[in-house]
């Protein structure tokens, strides 16, 4: 079984995923990092050079590969689960956990990220997050096996999530 973390960028998928994997003694894979390694470019650069359509196709290719792993915590890109095929692949051997936060809570985690590719035509980060939340929240909810309300304490969140999933450490 795998634990698959979804949610908007800035929801803590990577950091919480690393904490979970360490506590469970499982592997950790971040789909965005895997794409960057394969492409030898940051996501913002990939999108700039090849476009979102190319990136989403590459993302689906990577997800199909990592979904076959076992005892792995997988942090997906924020838009990965929007593609129903990605959801199907990830659910074959995983539980999808939606890391829920209020839109205002995302800002502090992503405001200074120079590698952040714009996802909308909104002028401010706040407007972009609000738009993405509105567009994606229902999809995150529908695709998830568990909705997990994040706090600012990654260690506590990892322990609570392990307990909710009924896993042993």
C-alpha atoms as a PDB file:
ATOM      1  CA  UNK A   1       0.000   0.000   0.000  1.00  0.00           C
ATOM      2  CA  UNK A   2       1.021   3.598  -0.646  1.00  0.00           C
ATOM      3  CA  UNK A   3      -0.024   6.872   0.946  1.00  0.00           C
ATOM      4  CA  UNK A   4      -0.726   9.487  -1.721  1.00  0.00           C
ATOM      5  CA  UNK A   5      -0.795  13.129  -0.609  1.00  0.00           C
ATOM      6  CA  UNK A   6      -2.782  15.618  -2.670  1.00  0.00           C
ATOM      7  CA  UNK A   7      -3.738  19.245  -2.219  1.00  0.00           C
ATOM      8  CA  UNK A   8      -2.880  22.689  -3.462  1.00  0.00           C
ATOM      9  CA  UNK A   9       0.735  23.775  -3.635  1.00  0.00           C
ATOM     10  CA  UNK A  10       1.785  24.950  -0.221  1.00  0.00           C
ATOM     11  CA  UNK A  11      -0.406  22.396   1.582  1.00  0.00           C
ATOM     12  CA  UNK A  12       2.684  20.606   2.904  1.00  0.00           C
ATOM     13  CA  UNK A  13       2.642  17.480   0.736  1.00  0.00           C
ATOM     14  CA  UNK A  14       6.425  17.204   0.444  1.00  0.00           C
ATOM     15  CA  UNK A  15       7.370  18.012   4.033  1.00  0.00           C
ATOM     16  CA  UNK A  16       4.591  15.938   5.573  1.00  0.00           C
ATOM     17  CA  UNK A  17       5.374  13.141   3.121  1.00  0.00           C
ATOM     18  CA  UNK A  18       9.008  13.065   4.215  1.00  0.00           C
ATOM     19  CA  UNK A  19       7.955  12.975   7.879  1.00  0.00           C
ATOM     20  CA  UNK A  20       5.486  10.144   7.238  1.00  0.00           C
ATOM     21  CA  UNK A  21       8.003   8.091   5.266  1.00  0.00           C
ATOM     22  CA  UNK A  22      10.632   8.472   7.980  1.00  0.00           C
ATOM     23  CA  UNK A  23       8.237   7.451  10.763  1.00  0.00           C
ATOM     24  CA  UNK A  24       6.900   4.478   8.778  1.00  0.00           C
ATOM     25  CA  UNK A  25      10.347   3.523   7.405  1.00  0.00           C
ATOM     26  CA  UNK A  26       8.861   3.715   3.900  1.00  0.00           C
ATOM     27  CA  UNK A  27      10.202   5.261   0.704  1.00  0.00           C
ATOM     28  CA  UNK A  28       9.264   8.816  -0.262  1.00  0.00           C
ATOM     29  CA  UNK A  29       8.689  10.066  -3.807  1.00  0.00           C
ATOM     30  CA  UNK A  30       7.685  13.571  -4.876  1.00  0.00           C
ATOM     31  CA  UNK A  31       6.227  13.419  -8.398  1.00  0.00           C
ATOM     32  CA  UNK A  32       7.278  16.997  -9.209  1.00  0.00           C
ATOM     33  CA  UNK A  33      10.862  16.309  -8.101  1.00  0.00           C
ATOM     34  CA  UNK A  34      10.925  13.139 -10.209  1.00  0.00           C
ATOM     35  CA  UNK A  35       9.778  15.119 -13.257  1.00  0.00           C
ATOM     36  CA  UNK A  36      12.463  17.752 -12.624  1.00  0.00           C
ATOM     37  CA  UNK A  37      15.152  15.064 -12.396  1.00  0.00           C
ATOM     38  CA  UNK A  38      14.017  13.358 -15.593  1.00  0.00           C
ATOM     39  CA  UNK A  39      13.736  16.645 -17.497  1.00  0.00           C
ATOM     40  CA  UNK A  40      16.815  18.203 -15.843  1.00  0.00           C
ATOM     41  CA  UNK A  41      14.836  21.433 -15.401  1.00  0.00           C
ATOM     42  CA  UNK A  42      12.648  23.081 -12.785  1.00  0.00           C
ATOM     43  CA  UNK A  43       8.916  22.826 -13.410  1.00  0.00           C
ATOM     44  CA  UNK A  44       8.579  26.546 -14.121  1.00  0.00           C
ATOM     45  CA  UNK A  45      11.201  26.171 -16.876  1.00  0.00           C
ATOM     46  CA  UNK A  46       9.557  23.031 -18.306  1.00  0.00           C
ATOM     47  CA  UNK A  47       6.213  24.845 -18.476  1.00  0.00           C
ATOM     48  CA  UNK A  48       7.854  27.954 -19.943  1.00  0.00           C
ATOM     49  CA  UNK A  49       9.625  25.975 -22.679  1.00  0.00           C
ATOM     50  CA  UNK A  50       7.127  23.203 -23.436  1.00  0.00           C
ATOM     51  CA  UNK A  51       3.786  24.313 -21.990  1.00  0.00           C
ATOM     52  CA  UNK A  52       1.319  22.951 -19.457  1.00  0.00           C
ATOM     53  CA  UNK A  53       0.011  20.257 -21.809  1.00  0.00           C
ATOM     54  CA  UNK A  54       3.479  18.693 -22.109  1.00  0.00           C
ATOM     55  CA  UNK A  55       4.002  18.964 -18.357  1.00  0.00           C
ATOM     56  CA  UNK A  56       0.663  17.280 -17.534  1.00  0.00           C
ATOM     57  CA  UNK A  57       1.449  14.419 -19.957  1.00  0.00           C
ATOM     58  CA  UNK A  58       4.870  13.965 -18.338  1.00  0.00           C
ATOM     59  CA  UNK A  59       3.233  14.084 -14.908  1.00  0.00           C
ATOM     60  CA  UNK A  60       0.820  11.291 -15.880  1.00  0.00           C
ATOM     61  CA  UNK A  61       3.725   9.208 -17.195  1.00  0.00           C
ATOM     62  CA  UNK A  62       5.636   9.620 -13.916  1.00  0.00           C
ATOM     63  CA  UNK A  63       2.546   8.896 -11.810  1.00  0.00           C
ATOM     64  CA  UNK A  64       1.899   5.670 -13.730  1.00  0.00           C
ATOM     65  CA  UNK A  65       5.439   4.556 -12.793  1.00  0.00           C
ATOM     66  CA  UNK A  66       5.447   5.542  -9.127  1.00  0.00           C
ATOM     67  CA  UNK A  67       1.919   4.229  -8.514  1.00  0.00           C
ATOM     68  CA  UNK A  68       3.320   0.696  -8.911  1.00  0.00           C
ATOM     69  CA  UNK A  69       5.661   1.107  -5.936  1.00  0.00           C
ATOM     70  CA  UNK A  70       4.778  -0.304  -2.528  1.00  0.00           C
ATOM     71  CA  UNK A  71       5.229   1.042   1.010  1.00  0.00           C
ATOM     72  CA  UNK A  72       5.827   4.478  -0.444  1.00  0.00           C
ATOM     73  CA  UNK A  73       4.588   7.920   0.521  1.00  0.00           C
ATOM     74  CA  UNK A  74       3.870   9.821  -2.698  1.00  0.00           C
ATOM     75  CA  UNK A  75       3.562  13.608  -2.813  1.00  0.00           C
ATOM     76  CA  UNK A  76       1.781  14.613  -6.013  1.00  0.00           C
ATOM     77  CA  UNK A  77       1.856  17.929  -7.784  1.00  0.00           C
ATOM     78  CA  UNK A  78      -1.082  20.154  -6.918  1.00  0.00           C
ATOM     79  CA  UNK A  79      -2.852  19.526 -10.230  1.00  0.00           C
ATOM     80  CA  UNK A  80      -2.048  15.836 -10.639  1.00  0.00           C
ATOM     81  CA  UNK A  81      -5.293  14.503  -9.222  1.00  0.00           C
ATOM     82  CA  UNK A  82      -7.388  16.694 -11.523  1.00  0.00           C
ATOM     83  CA  UNK A  83      -6.703  14.065 -14.207  1.00  0.00           C
ATOM     84  CA  UNK A  84      -9.070  11.159 -13.457  1.00  0.00           C
ATOM     85  CA  UNK A  85      -6.576   8.673 -14.983  1.00  0.00           C
ATOM     86  CA  UNK A  86      -3.976   9.732 -12.406  1.00  0.00           C
ATOM     87  CA  UNK A  87      -6.511   9.133  -9.638  1.00  0.00           C
ATOM     88  CA  UNK A  88      -7.264   5.648 -10.990  1.00  0.00           C
ATOM     89  CA  UNK A  89      -3.552   4.755 -11.172  1.00  0.00           C
ATOM     90  CA  UNK A  90      -2.816   6.041  -7.683  1.00  0.00           C
ATOM     91  CA  UNK A  91      -5.801   4.259  -6.113  1.00  0.00           C
ATOM     92  CA  UNK A  92      -4.742   0.860  -7.473  1.00  0.00           C
ATOM     93  CA  UNK A  93      -2.236   0.538  -4.636  1.00  0.00           C
ATOM     94  CA  UNK A  94      -2.762   3.626  -2.530  1.00  0.00           C
ATOM     95  CA  UNK A  95      -4.946   5.671  -0.250  1.00  0.00           C
ATOM     96  CA  UNK A  96      -5.383   9.247  -1.448  1.00  0.00           C
ATOM     97  CA  UNK A  97      -5.190  11.808   1.345  1.00  0.00           C
ATOM     98  CA  UNK A  98      -6.344  15.364   0.664  1.00  0.00           C
ATOM     99  CA  UNK A  99      -4.289  17.762   2.776  1.00  0.00           C
ATOM    100  CA  UNK A 100      -6.882  20.424   3.442  1.00  0.00           C
ATOM    101  CA  UNK A 101      -6.046  23.980   4.418  1.00  0.00           C
ATOM    102  CA  UNK A 102      -7.780  27.315   4.120  1.00  0.00           C
ATOM    103  CA  UNK A 103      -6.515  29.346   1.122  1.00  0.00           C
ATOM    104  CA  UNK A 104      -4.953  32.002   3.395  1.00  0.00           C
ATOM    105  CA  UNK A 105      -2.726  29.325   4.963  1.00  0.00           C
ATOM    106  CA  UNK A 106      -1.012  28.488   1.656  1.00  0.00           C
ATOM    107  CA  UNK A 107       0.443  31.926   1.049  1.00  0.00           C
ATOM    108  CA  UNK A 108       3.203  31.817   3.664  1.00  0.00           C
ATOM    109  CA  UNK A 109       4.554  28.559   2.248  1.00  0.00           C
ATOM    110  CA  UNK A 110       4.787  29.563  -1.395  1.00  0.00           C
ATOM    111  CA  UNK A 111       5.133  33.351  -1.547  1.00  0.00           C
ATOM    112  CA  UNK A 112       8.937  33.306  -1.772  1.00  0.00           C
ATOM    113  CA  UNK A 113       9.319  30.327  -4.131  1.00  0.00           C
ATOM    114  CA  UNK A 114      11.186  31.531  -7.234  1.00  0.00           C
ATOM    115  CA  UNK A 115      10.458  28.241  -9.040  1.00  0.00           C
ATOM    116  CA  UNK A 116       6.685  28.629  -8.824  1.00  0.00           C
ATOM    117  CA  UNK A 117       5.121  28.600 -12.288  1.00  0.00           C
ATOM    118  CA  UNK A 118       1.952  30.712 -12.457  1.00  0.00           C
ATOM    119  CA  UNK A 119      -1.114  28.490 -12.778  1.00  0.00           C
ATOM    120  CA  UNK A 120      -3.650  31.188 -13.606  1.00  0.00           C
ATOM    121  CA  UNK A 121      -3.718  34.643 -15.150  1.00  0.00           C
ATOM    122  CA  UNK A 122      -4.441  36.235 -11.769  1.00  0.00           C
ATOM    123  CA  UNK A 123      -2.279  39.203 -10.810  1.00  0.00           C
ATOM    124  CA  UNK A 124      -1.621  38.334  -7.176  1.00  0.00           C
ATOM    125  CA  UNK A 125      -0.723  35.118  -5.403  1.00  0.00           C
ATOM    126  CA  UNK A 126      -3.758  35.529  -3.155  1.00  0.00           C
ATOM    127  CA  UNK A 127      -6.075  35.732  -6.173  1.00  0.00           C
ATOM    128  CA  UNK A 128      -4.377  32.729  -7.776  1.00  0.00           C
ATOM    129  CA  UNK A 129      -4.759  30.587  -4.645  1.00  0.00           C
ATOM    130  CA  UNK A 130      -8.413  31.622  -4.271  1.00  0.00           C
ATOM    131  CA  UNK A 131      -9.124  30.709  -7.900  1.00  0.00           C
ATOM    132  CA  UNK A 132      -7.328  27.344  -7.697  1.00  0.00           C
ATOM    133  CA  UNK A 133      -9.080  26.510  -4.433  1.00  0.00           C
ATOM    134  CA  UNK A 134     -12.441  27.254  -6.018  1.00  0.00           C
ATOM    135  CA  UNK A 135     -11.590  25.190  -9.128  1.00  0.00           C
ATOM    136  CA  UNK A 136      -9.974  22.193  -7.419  1.00  0.00           C
ATOM    137  CA  UNK A 137     -11.401  21.749  -3.916  1.00  0.00           C
ATOM    138  CA  UNK A 138     -14.376  19.606  -5.005  1.00  0.00           C
ATOM    139  CA  UNK A 139     -12.113  17.380  -7.111  1.00  0.00           C
ATOM    140  CA  UNK A 140      -9.705  16.890  -4.210  1.00  0.00           C
ATOM    141  CA  UNK A 141     -12.615  15.929  -1.961  1.00  0.00           C
ATOM    142  CA  UNK A 142     -14.188  13.520  -4.467  1.00  0.00           C
ATOM    143  CA  UNK A 143     -10.903  11.755  -5.273  1.00  0.00           C
ATOM    144  CA  UNK A 144      -9.713  11.311  -1.692  1.00  0.00           C
ATOM    145  CA  UNK A 145     -10.067   8.371   0.657  1.00  0.00           C
ATOM    146  CA  UNK A 146      -9.456  10.731   3.586  1.00  0.00           C
ATOM    147  CA  UNK A 147      -9.610  14.496   4.065  1.00  0.00           C
ATOM    148  CA  UNK A 148      -6.933  15.531   6.534  1.00  0.00           C
ATOM    149  CA  UNK A 149      -7.012  19.002   8.095  1.00  0.00           C
ATOM    150  CA  UNK A 150      -3.422  20.235   8.243  1.00  0.00           C
ATOM    151  CA  UNK A 151      -1.917  22.218  11.106  1.00  0.00           C
ATOM    152  CA  UNK A 152       1.443  23.990  11.222  1.00  0.00           C
ATOM    153  CA  UNK A 153       3.039  21.033  13.042  1.00  0.00           C
ATOM    154  CA  UNK A 154       4.335  18.467  10.533  1.00  0.00           C
ATOM    155  CA  UNK A 155       5.420  16.014  13.222  1.00  0.00           C
ATOM    156  CA  UNK A 156       2.041  16.054  14.978  1.00  0.00           C
ATOM    157  CA  UNK A 157       0.240  15.826  11.640  1.00  0.00           C
ATOM    158  CA  UNK A 158       2.316  12.780  10.627  1.00  0.00           C
ATOM    159  CA  UNK A 159       1.505  11.003  13.899  1.00  0.00           C
ATOM    160  CA  UNK A 160      -2.201  11.799  13.587  1.00  0.00           C
ATOM    161  CA  UNK A 161      -2.349  10.675   9.967  1.00  0.00           C
ATOM    162  CA  UNK A 162      -0.596   7.383  10.789  1.00  0.00           C
ATOM    163  CA  UNK A 163      -3.183   6.815  13.524  1.00  0.00           C
ATOM    164  CA  UNK A 164      -6.130   7.683  11.239  1.00  0.00           C
ATOM    165  CA  UNK A 165      -4.842   5.227   8.631  1.00  0.00           C
ATOM    166  CA  UNK A 166      -4.420   2.505  11.257  1.00  0.00           C
ATOM    167  CA  UNK A 167      -0.746   1.982  10.423  1.00  0.00           C
ATOM    168  CA  UNK A 168       1.997   0.697  12.710  1.00  0.00           C
ATOM    169  CA  UNK A 169       5.303   2.503  13.246  1.00  0.00           C
END
